[in-house]
Amino acid sequence: MLRLIIIFLVHVFTTVILAENSGTSFTDFKAEVIKELDAAEKKVTTLAKEIPQAKYTWRPDEGVRSISEVILHVGGANYFVLSFAGVKLPEGIKMESDFDKKTTIKEEILEYIAAAYSYVREKISTMKEKDLEKNVDFFGSKITVRHLLLKMISHNHEHLGQLIAYARMNGIIPPWSKKDE
């Protein structure tokens, strides 16, 4: 047992020394967040392009977001969530209650979502490590900016799932799910 403890301690010590000497942390949290956002963006964008313009106003039921509203909601929420970390909204972006209804035009929506992902990617990449540990108020809960970024990722994937369901309800198979033809 003592031998296992010694091996474990040597491993931990070596890992810490190597990490300190490399100039990086054990994990680069911001890079991981950006990687997850990139994955969500790729799927949201790919699926949004696959959905015909005529389906952008489709909604599964009255009072539920349409396809265009879901996509706009994802982009707008990315901006909005970062604002809780003190990141200013870009020029021309306003967080009005009906921002997800501003257009149903596919090309405009694709431009909006691309700009939103690009903006949050840039802002996250420039955050300092100490900024990630800062506490912020998020709808009455005190959370760290790190936690806020995790919520952003979760939110992106939640609505990606919604968009996948909408697409399938309209006979559209997500491109990454298609079998080789």
C-alpha atoms as a PDB file:
ATOM      1  CA  MET A   1       0.000   0.000   0.000  1.00  0.00           C
ATOM      2  CA  LEU A   2       2.833   2.369   0.865  1.00  0.00           C
ATOM      3  CA  ARG A   3       4.355   1.674  -2.534  1.00  0.00           C
ATOM      4  CA  LEU A   4       1.106   2.709  -4.286  1.00  0.00           C
ATOM      5  CA  ILE A   5       0.955   5.919  -2.269  1.00  0.00           C
ATOM      6  CA  ILE A   6       4.554   6.758  -3.178  1.00  0.00           C
ATOM      7  CA  ILE A   7       3.905   6.059  -6.882  1.00  0.00           C
ATOM      8  CA  PHE A   8       0.793   8.227  -6.748  1.00  0.00           C
ATOM      9  CA  LEU A   9       2.621  11.112  -5.050  1.00  0.00           C
ATOM     10  CA  VAL A  10       5.514  10.929  -7.524  1.00  0.00           C
ATOM     11  CA  HIS A  11       3.008  11.005 -10.388  1.00  0.00           C
ATOM     12  CA  VAL A  12       1.174  14.032  -8.950  1.00  0.00           C
ATOM     13  CA  PHE A  13       4.439  15.856  -8.229  1.00  0.00           C
ATOM     14  CA  THR A  14       5.776  15.179 -11.730  1.00  0.00           C
ATOM     15  CA  THR A  15       2.529  16.299 -13.337  1.00  0.00           C
ATOM     16  CA  VAL A  16       2.531  19.545 -11.350  1.00  0.00           C
ATOM     17  CA  ILE A  17       6.167  20.279 -12.226  1.00  0.00           C
ATOM     18  CA  LEU A  18       5.587  19.569 -15.913  1.00  0.00           C
ATOM     19  CA  ALA A  19       2.496  21.774 -15.977  1.00  0.00           C
ATOM     20  CA  GLU A  20       4.313  24.629 -14.246  1.00  0.00           C
ATOM     21  CA  ASN A  21       7.267  24.383 -16.614  1.00  0.00           C
ATOM     22  CA  SER A  22       5.088  24.292 -19.712  1.00  0.00           C
ATOM     23  CA  GLY A  23       3.533  27.654 -18.868  1.00  0.00           C
ATOM     24  CA  THR A  24      -0.001  26.306 -19.162  1.00  0.00           C
ATOM     25  CA  SER A  25      -2.555  25.095 -16.678  1.00  0.00           C
ATOM     26  CA  PHE A  26      -3.629  21.459 -16.482  1.00  0.00           C
ATOM     27  CA  THR A  27      -6.462  22.331 -18.795  1.00  0.00           C
ATOM     28  CA  ASP A  28      -7.114  25.453 -20.738  1.00  0.00           C
ATOM     29  CA  PHE A  29     -10.714  25.968 -19.725  1.00  0.00           C
ATOM     30  CA  LYS A  30     -11.343  28.764 -22.209  1.00  0.00           C
ATOM     31  CA  ALA A  31     -10.062  26.623 -25.081  1.00  0.00           C
ATOM     32  CA  GLU A  32     -12.350  23.795 -23.982  1.00  0.00           C
ATOM     33  CA  VAL A  33     -15.352  26.141 -23.825  1.00  0.00           C
ATOM     34  CA  ILE A  34     -14.548  27.502 -27.275  1.00  0.00           C
ATOM     35  CA  LYS A  35     -14.154  23.955 -28.616  1.00  0.00           C
ATOM     36  CA  GLU A  36     -17.633  23.062 -27.323  1.00  0.00           C
ATOM     37  CA  LEU A  37     -19.113  26.272 -28.726  1.00  0.00           C
ATOM     38  CA  ASP A  38     -17.456  25.518 -32.070  1.00  0.00           C
ATOM     39  CA  ALA A  39     -19.050  22.061 -32.060  1.00  0.00           C
ATOM     40  CA  ALA A  40     -22.473  23.526 -31.265  1.00  0.00           C
ATOM     41  CA  GLU A  41     -22.034  26.253 -33.886  1.00  0.00           C
ATOM     42  CA  LYS A  42     -21.074  23.750 -36.563  1.00  0.00           C
ATOM     43  CA  LYS A  43     -24.169  21.636 -35.947  1.00  0.00           C
ATOM     44  CA  VAL A  44     -26.591  24.546 -35.485  1.00  0.00           C
ATOM     45  CA  THR A  45     -25.282  26.233 -38.631  1.00  0.00           C
ATOM     46  CA  THR A  46     -25.144  23.049 -40.706  1.00  0.00           C
ATOM     47  CA  LEU A  47     -28.696  22.162 -39.745  1.00  0.00           C
ATOM     48  CA  ALA A  48     -29.932  25.737 -40.251  1.00  0.00           C
ATOM     49  CA  LYS A  49     -28.507  25.655 -43.784  1.00  0.00           C
ATOM     50  CA  GLU A  50     -30.171  22.294 -44.444  1.00  0.00           C
ATOM     51  CA  ILE A  51     -33.622  23.566 -43.444  1.00  0.00           C
ATOM     52  CA  PRO A  52     -35.426  25.210 -46.382  1.00  0.00           C
ATOM     53  CA  GLN A  53     -36.416  28.881 -46.075  1.00  0.00           C
ATOM     54  CA  ALA A  54     -40.092  27.875 -46.305  1.00  0.00           C
ATOM     55  CA  LYS A  55     -39.774  25.957 -43.011  1.00  0.00           C
ATOM     56  CA  TYR A  56     -38.223  28.818 -41.016  1.00  0.00           C
ATOM     57  CA  THR A  57     -41.652  29.976 -39.797  1.00  0.00           C
ATOM     58  CA  TRP A  58     -42.741  26.453 -38.862  1.00  0.00           C
ATOM     59  CA  ARG A  59     -43.495  25.825 -35.198  1.00  0.00           C
ATOM     60  CA  PRO A  60     -44.722  22.609 -33.588  1.00  0.00           C
ATOM     61  CA  ASP A  61     -47.576  24.373 -31.809  1.00  0.00           C
ATOM     62  CA  GLU A  62     -48.986  27.815 -31.122  1.00  0.00           C
ATOM     63  CA  GLY A  63     -46.983  29.706 -28.513  1.00  0.00           C
ATOM     64  CA  VAL A  64     -43.815  27.682 -29.150  1.00  0.00           C
ATOM     65  CA  ARG A  65     -40.742  29.105 -30.877  1.00  0.00           C
ATOM     66  CA  SER A  66     -40.501  28.678 -34.630  1.00  0.00           C
ATOM     67  CA  ILE A  67     -37.368  27.365 -36.326  1.00  0.00           C
ATOM     68  CA  SER A  68     -36.144  30.908 -37.027  1.00  0.00           C
ATOM     69  CA  GLU A  69     -36.865  31.942 -33.432  1.00  0.00           C
ATOM     70  CA  VAL A  70     -34.884  29.015 -32.015  1.00  0.00           C
ATOM     71  CA  ILE A  71     -31.820  29.889 -34.087  1.00  0.00           C
ATOM     72  CA  LEU A  72     -32.059  33.610 -33.270  1.00  0.00           C
ATOM     73  CA  HIS A  73     -32.585  32.717 -29.600  1.00  0.00           C
ATOM     74  CA  VAL A  74     -29.321  30.764 -29.519  1.00  0.00           C
ATOM     75  CA  GLY A  75     -27.359  33.665 -30.991  1.00  0.00           C
ATOM     76  CA  GLY A  76     -29.027  36.278 -28.820  1.00  0.00           C
ATOM     77  CA  ALA A  77     -28.614  34.218 -25.681  1.00  0.00           C
ATOM     78  CA  ASN A  78     -24.892  33.838 -26.368  1.00  0.00           C
ATOM     79  CA  TYR A  79     -24.569  37.634 -26.345  1.00  0.00           C
ATOM     80  CA  PHE A  80     -26.899  37.961 -23.351  1.00  0.00           C
ATOM     81  CA  VAL A  81     -25.174  35.371 -21.168  1.00  0.00           C
ATOM     82  CA  LEU A  82     -21.788  37.023 -21.679  1.00  0.00           C
ATOM     83  CA  SER A  83     -23.271  40.359 -20.606  1.00  0.00           C
ATOM     84  CA  PHE A  84     -23.607  38.903 -17.090  1.00  0.00           C
ATOM     85  CA  ALA A  85     -19.804  38.640 -17.077  1.00  0.00           C
ATOM     86  CA  GLY A  86     -19.553  42.345 -17.855  1.00  0.00           C
ATOM     87  CA  VAL A  87     -18.962  41.901 -21.585  1.00  0.00           C
ATOM     88  CA  LYS A  88     -20.529  44.768 -23.516  1.00  0.00           C
ATOM     89  CA  LEU A  89     -22.897  43.945 -26.333  1.00  0.00           C
ATOM     90  CA  PRO A  90     -21.518  44.727 -29.787  1.00  0.00           C
ATOM     91  CA  GLU A  91     -22.670  47.848 -31.597  1.00  0.00           C
ATOM     92  CA  GLY A  92     -26.156  47.380 -33.020  1.00  0.00           C
ATOM     93  CA  ILE A  93     -27.104  44.417 -30.820  1.00  0.00           C
ATOM     94  CA  LYS A  94     -29.952  45.061 -28.405  1.00  0.00           C
ATOM     95  CA  MET A  95     -31.459  42.560 -26.029  1.00  0.00           C
ATOM     96  CA  GLU A  96     -35.123  43.318 -26.467  1.00  0.00           C
ATOM     97  CA  SER A  97     -37.745  40.841 -25.342  1.00  0.00           C
ATOM     98  CA  ASP A  98     -38.663  39.956 -28.922  1.00  0.00           C
ATOM     99  CA  PHE A  99     -35.149  39.806 -30.416  1.00  0.00           C
ATOM    100  CA  ASP A 100     -35.829  36.266 -31.609  1.00  0.00           C
ATOM    101  CA  LYS A 101     -38.645  37.542 -33.831  1.00  0.00           C
ATOM    102  CA  LYS A 102     -36.615  40.184 -35.690  1.00  0.00           C
ATOM    103  CA  THR A 103     -36.465  38.232 -38.962  1.00  0.00           C
ATOM    104  CA  THR A 104     -37.439  34.960 -40.566  1.00  0.00           C
ATOM    105  CA  ILE A 105     -35.076  35.363 -43.514  1.00  0.00           C
ATOM    106  CA  LYS A 106     -32.671  32.441 -43.566  1.00  0.00           C
ATOM    107  CA  GLU A 107     -29.601  34.346 -44.825  1.00  0.00           C
ATOM    108  CA  GLU A 108     -30.033  37.100 -42.210  1.00  0.00           C
ATOM    109  CA  ILE A 109     -30.395  34.487 -39.486  1.00  0.00           C
ATOM    110  CA  LEU A 110     -27.275  32.640 -40.641  1.00  0.00           C
ATOM    111  CA  GLU A 111     -25.325  35.917 -40.596  1.00  0.00           C
ATOM    112  CA  TYR A 112     -26.643  36.765 -37.117  1.00  0.00           C
ATOM    113  CA  ILE A 113     -25.740  33.391 -35.620  1.00  0.00           C
ATOM    114  CA  ALA A 114     -22.273  33.445 -37.223  1.00  0.00           C
ATOM    115  CA  ALA A 115     -21.618  36.932 -35.835  1.00  0.00           C
ATOM    116  CA  ALA A 116     -22.828  35.889 -32.375  1.00  0.00           C
ATOM    117  CA  TYR A 117     -20.567  32.838 -32.209  1.00  0.00           C
ATOM    118  CA  SER A 118     -17.620  34.836 -33.529  1.00  0.00           C
ATOM    119  CA  TYR A 119     -18.154  37.581 -30.952  1.00  0.00           C
ATOM    120  CA  VAL A 120     -18.454  35.283 -27.941  1.00  0.00           C
ATOM    121  CA  ARG A 121     -15.482  33.227 -29.119  1.00  0.00           C
ATOM    122  CA  GLU A 122     -13.356  36.389 -29.283  1.00  0.00           C
ATOM    123  CA  LYS A 123     -14.534  37.662 -25.888  1.00  0.00           C
ATOM    124  CA  ILE A 124     -14.011  34.321 -24.141  1.00  0.00           C
ATOM    125  CA  SER A 125     -10.524  33.947 -25.600  1.00  0.00           C
ATOM    126  CA  THR A 126      -9.472  37.314 -24.163  1.00  0.00           C
ATOM    127  CA  MET A 127     -10.763  36.647 -20.643  1.00  0.00           C
ATOM    128  CA  LYS A 128      -8.120  36.448 -17.946  1.00  0.00           C
ATOM    129  CA  GLU A 129      -7.950  33.381 -15.721  1.00  0.00           C
ATOM    130  CA  LYS A 130      -8.875  35.502 -12.680  1.00  0.00           C
ATOM    131  CA  ASP A 131     -11.980  36.749 -14.539  1.00  0.00           C
ATOM    132  CA  LEU A 132     -13.277  33.185 -14.699  1.00  0.00           C
ATOM    133  CA  GLU A 133     -13.371  32.992 -10.894  1.00  0.00           C
ATOM    134  CA  LYS A 134     -15.250  36.279 -10.500  1.00  0.00           C
ATOM    135  CA  ASN A 135     -18.709  35.897  -8.962  1.00  0.00           C
ATOM    136  CA  VAL A 136     -21.633  37.302 -10.914  1.00  0.00           C
ATOM    137  CA  ASP A 137     -25.364  37.509 -10.334  1.00  0.00           C
ATOM    138  CA  PHE A 138     -27.216  35.300 -12.810  1.00  0.00           C
ATOM    139  CA  PHE A 139     -30.963  35.663 -12.326  1.00  0.00           C
ATOM    140  CA  GLY A 140     -30.573  35.803  -8.543  1.00  0.00           C
ATOM    141  CA  SER A 141     -27.916  33.099  -8.251  1.00  0.00           C
ATOM    142  CA  LYS A 142     -24.299  33.880  -7.441  1.00  0.00           C
ATOM    143  CA  ILE A 143     -22.122  31.885  -9.822  1.00  0.00           C
ATOM    144  CA  THR A 144     -18.628  32.218 -11.245  1.00  0.00           C
ATOM    145  CA  VAL A 145     -17.979  33.334 -14.800  1.00  0.00           C
ATOM    146  CA  ARG A 146     -16.600  29.812 -15.321  1.00  0.00           C
ATOM    147  CA  HIS A 147     -20.010  28.402 -14.348  1.00  0.00           C
ATOM    148  CA  LEU A 148     -21.704  30.991 -16.572  1.00  0.00           C
ATOM    149  CA  LEU A 149     -19.715  29.724 -19.568  1.00  0.00           C
ATOM    150  CA  LEU A 150     -20.757  26.157 -18.759  1.00  0.00           C
ATOM    151  CA  LYS A 151     -24.370  27.319 -18.723  1.00  0.00           C
ATOM    152  CA  MET A 152     -23.819  28.901 -22.149  1.00  0.00           C
ATOM    153  CA  ILE A 153     -22.566  25.597 -23.548  1.00  0.00           C
ATOM    154  CA  SER A 154     -25.488  23.725 -22.005  1.00  0.00           C
ATOM    155  CA  HIS A 155     -27.951  26.239 -23.434  1.00  0.00           C
ATOM    156  CA  ASN A 156     -26.467  25.891 -26.927  1.00  0.00           C
ATOM    157  CA  HIS A 157     -26.809  22.119 -26.849  1.00  0.00           C
ATOM    158  CA  GLU A 158     -30.309  22.298 -25.374  1.00  0.00           C
ATOM    159  CA  HIS A 159     -31.525  24.321 -28.344  1.00  0.00           C
ATOM    160  CA  LEU A 160     -29.502  22.284 -30.813  1.00  0.00           C
ATOM    161  CA  GLY A 161     -31.566  19.328 -29.600  1.00  0.00           C
ATOM    162  CA  GLN A 162     -34.734  21.359 -30.079  1.00  0.00           C
ATOM    163  CA  LEU A 163     -33.660  22.288 -33.614  1.00  0.00           C
ATOM    164  CA  ILE A 164     -32.875  18.635 -34.393  1.00  0.00           C
ATOM    165  CA  ALA A 165     -36.361  17.631 -33.220  1.00  0.00           C
ATOM    166  CA  TYR A 166     -37.960  20.382 -35.325  1.00  0.00           C
ATOM    167  CA  ALA A 167     -35.965  19.321 -38.377  1.00  0.00           C
ATOM    168  CA  ARG A 168     -36.893  15.666 -37.984  1.00  0.00           C
ATOM    169  CA  MET A 169     -40.564  16.592 -37.528  1.00  0.00           C
ATOM    170  CA  ASN A 170     -40.261  18.210 -40.966  1.00  0.00           C
ATOM    171  CA  GLY A 171     -38.568  15.210 -42.577  1.00  0.00           C
ATOM    172  CA  ILE A 172     -35.090  16.756 -42.472  1.00  0.00           C
ATOM    173  CA  ILE A 173     -32.285  14.505 -41.285  1.00  0.00           C
ATOM    174  CA  PRO A 174     -29.325  16.261 -39.677  1.00  0.00           C
ATOM    175  CA  PRO A 175     -26.413  15.872 -42.113  1.00  0.00           C
ATOM    176  CA  TRP A 176     -24.166  14.268 -39.488  1.00  0.00           C
ATOM    177  CA  SER A 177     -26.826  11.571 -38.901  1.00  0.00           C
ATOM    178  CA  LYS A 178     -27.262  10.559 -42.531  1.00  0.00           C
ATOM    179  CA  LYS A 179     -25.974   7.161 -43.509  1.00  0.00           C
ATOM    180  CA  ASP A 180     -23.532   7.083 -46.388  1.00  0.00           C
ATOM    181  CA  GLU A 181     -25.553   7.224 -49.552  1.00  0.00           C
END
